[in-house]
Amino acid sequence: MASLVGRLSRLWAPGRGRTAPTTPSAGPGAVTLRRTAVCTSSGAILPKPKKTPLGLIRIALVVVPFLYLGTQISKNFAALLEEHDIFVPEDDDDDD
């Protein structure tokens, strides 16, 4: 909630498109850095951020094989537990 209030207060702050110089905060040795996405303190426009090409495809290429590997491991472990009667659900017949 506090971070939301901080972000909203920066929207209405004067000179919101510029960065503030680094200022020491109240803590010992801590430095508060503030950077907006538009320009520097001198007014120069910052370069566009780097984009990762094919980002979603790369994520899918990592996530899908590991999901498959995890399901195979869990399936084999569940079969091992059932084979050794370690964790076998009981079949209760409640047909009265």
C-alpha atoms as a PDB file:
ATOM      1  CA  MET A   1       0.000   0.000   0.000  1.00  0.00           C
ATOM      2  CA  ALA A   2       2.818   2.364   0.865  1.00  0.00           C
ATOM      3  CA  SER A   3       4.597   1.700  -2.424  1.00  0.00           C
ATOM      4  CA  LEU A   4       1.378   2.455  -4.302  1.00  0.00           C
ATOM      5  CA  VAL A   5       1.075   5.777  -2.479  1.00  0.00           C
ATOM      6  CA  GLY A   6       4.723   6.545  -3.286  1.00  0.00           C
ATOM      7  CA  ARG A   7       4.194   5.839  -6.986  1.00  0.00           C
ATOM      8  CA  LEU A   8       1.063   7.955  -7.114  1.00  0.00           C
ATOM      9  CA  SER A   9       2.760  10.836  -5.310  1.00  0.00           C
ATOM     10  CA  ARG A  10       5.556  10.804  -7.925  1.00  0.00           C
ATOM     11  CA  LEU A  11       2.999  11.244 -10.682  1.00  0.00           C
ATOM     12  CA  TRP A  12       1.944  14.631  -9.336  1.00  0.00           C
ATOM     13  CA  ALA A  13       5.408  15.773  -8.225  1.00  0.00           C
ATOM     14  CA  PRO A  14       6.869  18.773 -10.068  1.00  0.00           C
ATOM     15  CA  GLY A  15       9.527  17.871 -12.641  1.00  0.00           C
ATOM     16  CA  ARG A  16       8.365  14.285 -12.755  1.00  0.00           C
ATOM     17  CA  GLY A  17      10.148  13.487 -16.023  1.00  0.00           C
ATOM     18  CA  ARG A  18      13.598  14.121 -14.590  1.00  0.00           C
ATOM     19  CA  THR A  19      15.768  12.231 -12.215  1.00  0.00           C
ATOM     20  CA  ALA A  20      16.784  13.518  -8.862  1.00  0.00           C
ATOM     21  CA  PRO A  21      20.465  13.507  -8.032  1.00  0.00           C
ATOM     22  CA  THR A  22      21.564  10.817  -5.648  1.00  0.00           C
ATOM     23  CA  THR A  23      20.983  11.984  -2.128  1.00  0.00           C
ATOM     24  CA  PRO A  24      22.099  10.350   1.068  1.00  0.00           C
ATOM     25  CA  SER A  25      19.166   8.987   3.030  1.00  0.00           C
ATOM     26  CA  ALA A  26      18.709   8.889   6.765  1.00  0.00           C
ATOM     27  CA  GLY A  27      20.406   5.491   7.094  1.00  0.00           C
ATOM     28  CA  PRO A  28      24.163   5.228   7.573  1.00  0.00           C
ATOM     29  CA  GLY A  29      25.903   4.778   4.245  1.00  0.00           C
ATOM     30  CA  ALA A  30      22.664   4.302   2.284  1.00  0.00           C
ATOM     31  CA  VAL A  31      22.094   6.141  -0.985  1.00  0.00           C
ATOM     32  CA  THR A  32      18.678   6.691  -2.487  1.00  0.00           C
ATOM     33  CA  LEU A  33      18.622   6.367  -6.277  1.00  0.00           C
ATOM     34  CA  ARG A  34      15.674   7.478  -8.360  1.00  0.00           C
ATOM     35  CA  ARG A  35      15.376   6.953 -12.077  1.00  0.00           C
ATOM     36  CA  THR A  36      12.464   7.649 -14.330  1.00  0.00           C
ATOM     37  CA  ALA A  37      12.044   6.098 -17.741  1.00  0.00           C
ATOM     38  CA  VAL A  38      12.247   9.310 -19.753  1.00  0.00           C
ATOM     39  CA  CYS A  39      15.337  11.449 -19.249  1.00  0.00           C
ATOM     40  CA  THR A  40      18.394  12.190 -17.122  1.00  0.00           C
ATOM     41  CA  SER A  41      18.881  15.102 -14.737  1.00  0.00           C
ATOM     42  CA  SER A  42      20.507  17.108 -17.559  1.00  0.00           C
ATOM     43  CA  GLY A  43      17.447  16.519 -19.768  1.00  0.00           C
ATOM     44  CA  ALA A  44      18.987  13.997 -22.156  1.00  0.00           C
ATOM     45  CA  ILE A  45      16.612  11.322 -23.384  1.00  0.00           C
ATOM     46  CA  LEU A  46      17.591   7.846 -22.224  1.00  0.00           C
ATOM     47  CA  PRO A  47      18.000   5.056 -24.788  1.00  0.00           C
ATOM     48  CA  LYS A  48      15.245   2.488 -25.168  1.00  0.00           C
ATOM     49  CA  PRO A  49      15.578  -0.507 -22.876  1.00  0.00           C
ATOM     50  CA  LYS A  50      16.838  -3.727 -24.408  1.00  0.00           C
ATOM     51  CA  LYS A  51      14.125  -6.125 -25.552  1.00  0.00           C
ATOM     52  CA  THR A  52      14.637  -9.841 -25.458  1.00  0.00           C
ATOM     53  CA  PRO A  53      13.653 -11.262 -28.830  1.00  0.00           C
ATOM     54  CA  LEU A  54      11.364 -14.296 -28.704  1.00  0.00           C
ATOM     55  CA  GLY A  55      11.001 -13.942 -24.931  1.00  0.00           C
ATOM     56  CA  LEU A  56       7.822 -15.997 -24.574  1.00  0.00           C
ATOM     57  CA  ILE A  57       9.173 -18.749 -26.787  1.00  0.00           C
ATOM     58  CA  ARG A  58      12.327 -18.960 -24.683  1.00  0.00           C
ATOM     59  CA  ILE A  59      10.258 -19.176 -21.524  1.00  0.00           C
ATOM     60  CA  ALA A  60       8.146 -21.960 -23.044  1.00  0.00           C
ATOM     61  CA  LEU A  61      11.267 -23.838 -24.145  1.00  0.00           C
ATOM     62  CA  VAL A  62      12.460 -23.891 -20.535  1.00  0.00           C
ATOM     63  CA  VAL A  63       9.172 -24.387 -18.679  1.00  0.00           C
ATOM     64  CA  VAL A  64       7.578 -27.156 -20.764  1.00  0.00           C
ATOM     65  CA  PRO A  65      10.435 -29.699 -20.569  1.00  0.00           C
ATOM     66  CA  PHE A  66      10.870 -29.201 -16.832  1.00  0.00           C
ATOM     67  CA  LEU A  67       7.118 -29.544 -16.238  1.00  0.00           C
ATOM     68  CA  TYR A  68       7.185 -32.778 -18.205  1.00  0.00           C
ATOM     69  CA  LEU A  69      10.240 -33.999 -16.300  1.00  0.00           C
ATOM     70  CA  GLY A  70       8.583 -33.177 -12.974  1.00  0.00           C
ATOM     71  CA  THR A  71       5.399 -35.038 -13.877  1.00  0.00           C
ATOM     72  CA  GLN A  72       7.381 -38.110 -14.940  1.00  0.00           C
ATOM     73  CA  ILE A  73       9.371 -38.118 -11.691  1.00  0.00           C
ATOM     74  CA  SER A  74       6.255 -37.744  -9.561  1.00  0.00           C
ATOM     75  CA  LYS A  75       4.395 -40.440 -11.531  1.00  0.00           C
ATOM     76  CA  ASN A  76       7.273 -42.902 -11.111  1.00  0.00           C
ATOM     77  CA  PHE A  77       7.628 -42.101  -7.410  1.00  0.00           C
ATOM     78  CA  ALA A  78       3.888 -42.582  -6.844  1.00  0.00           C
ATOM     79  CA  ALA A  79       4.086 -45.981  -8.600  1.00  0.00           C
ATOM     80  CA  LEU A  80       7.067 -46.920  -6.402  1.00  0.00           C
ATOM     81  CA  LEU A  81       5.170 -45.990  -3.240  1.00  0.00           C
ATOM     82  CA  GLU A  82       2.150 -47.990  -4.340  1.00  0.00           C
ATOM     83  CA  GLU A  83       4.293 -50.982  -5.283  1.00  0.00           C
ATOM     84  CA  HIS A  84       5.825 -51.129  -1.808  1.00  0.00           C
ATOM     85  CA  ASP A  85       2.459 -50.469  -0.093  1.00  0.00           C
ATOM     86  CA  ILE A  86       3.812 -47.358   1.579  1.00  0.00           C
ATOM     87  CA  PHE A  87       1.016 -45.036   0.550  1.00  0.00           C
ATOM     88  CA  VAL A  88      -1.946 -46.861  -0.878  1.00  0.00           C
ATOM     89  CA  PRO A  89      -5.441 -45.401  -0.602  1.00  0.00           C
ATOM     90  CA  GLU A  90      -7.950 -47.784   0.944  1.00  0.00           C
ATOM     91  CA  ASP A  91     -10.979 -48.814  -1.027  1.00  0.00           C
ATOM     92  CA  ASP A  92     -13.956 -48.262   1.277  1.00  0.00           C
ATOM     93  CA  ASP A  93     -17.218 -49.676   0.060  1.00  0.00           C
ATOM     94  CA  ASP A  94     -20.018 -47.646   1.569  1.00  0.00           C
ATOM     95  CA  ASP A  95     -22.758 -49.436  -0.342  1.00  0.00           C
ATOM     96  CA  ASP A  96     -25.275 -50.305   2.360  1.00  0.00           C
END
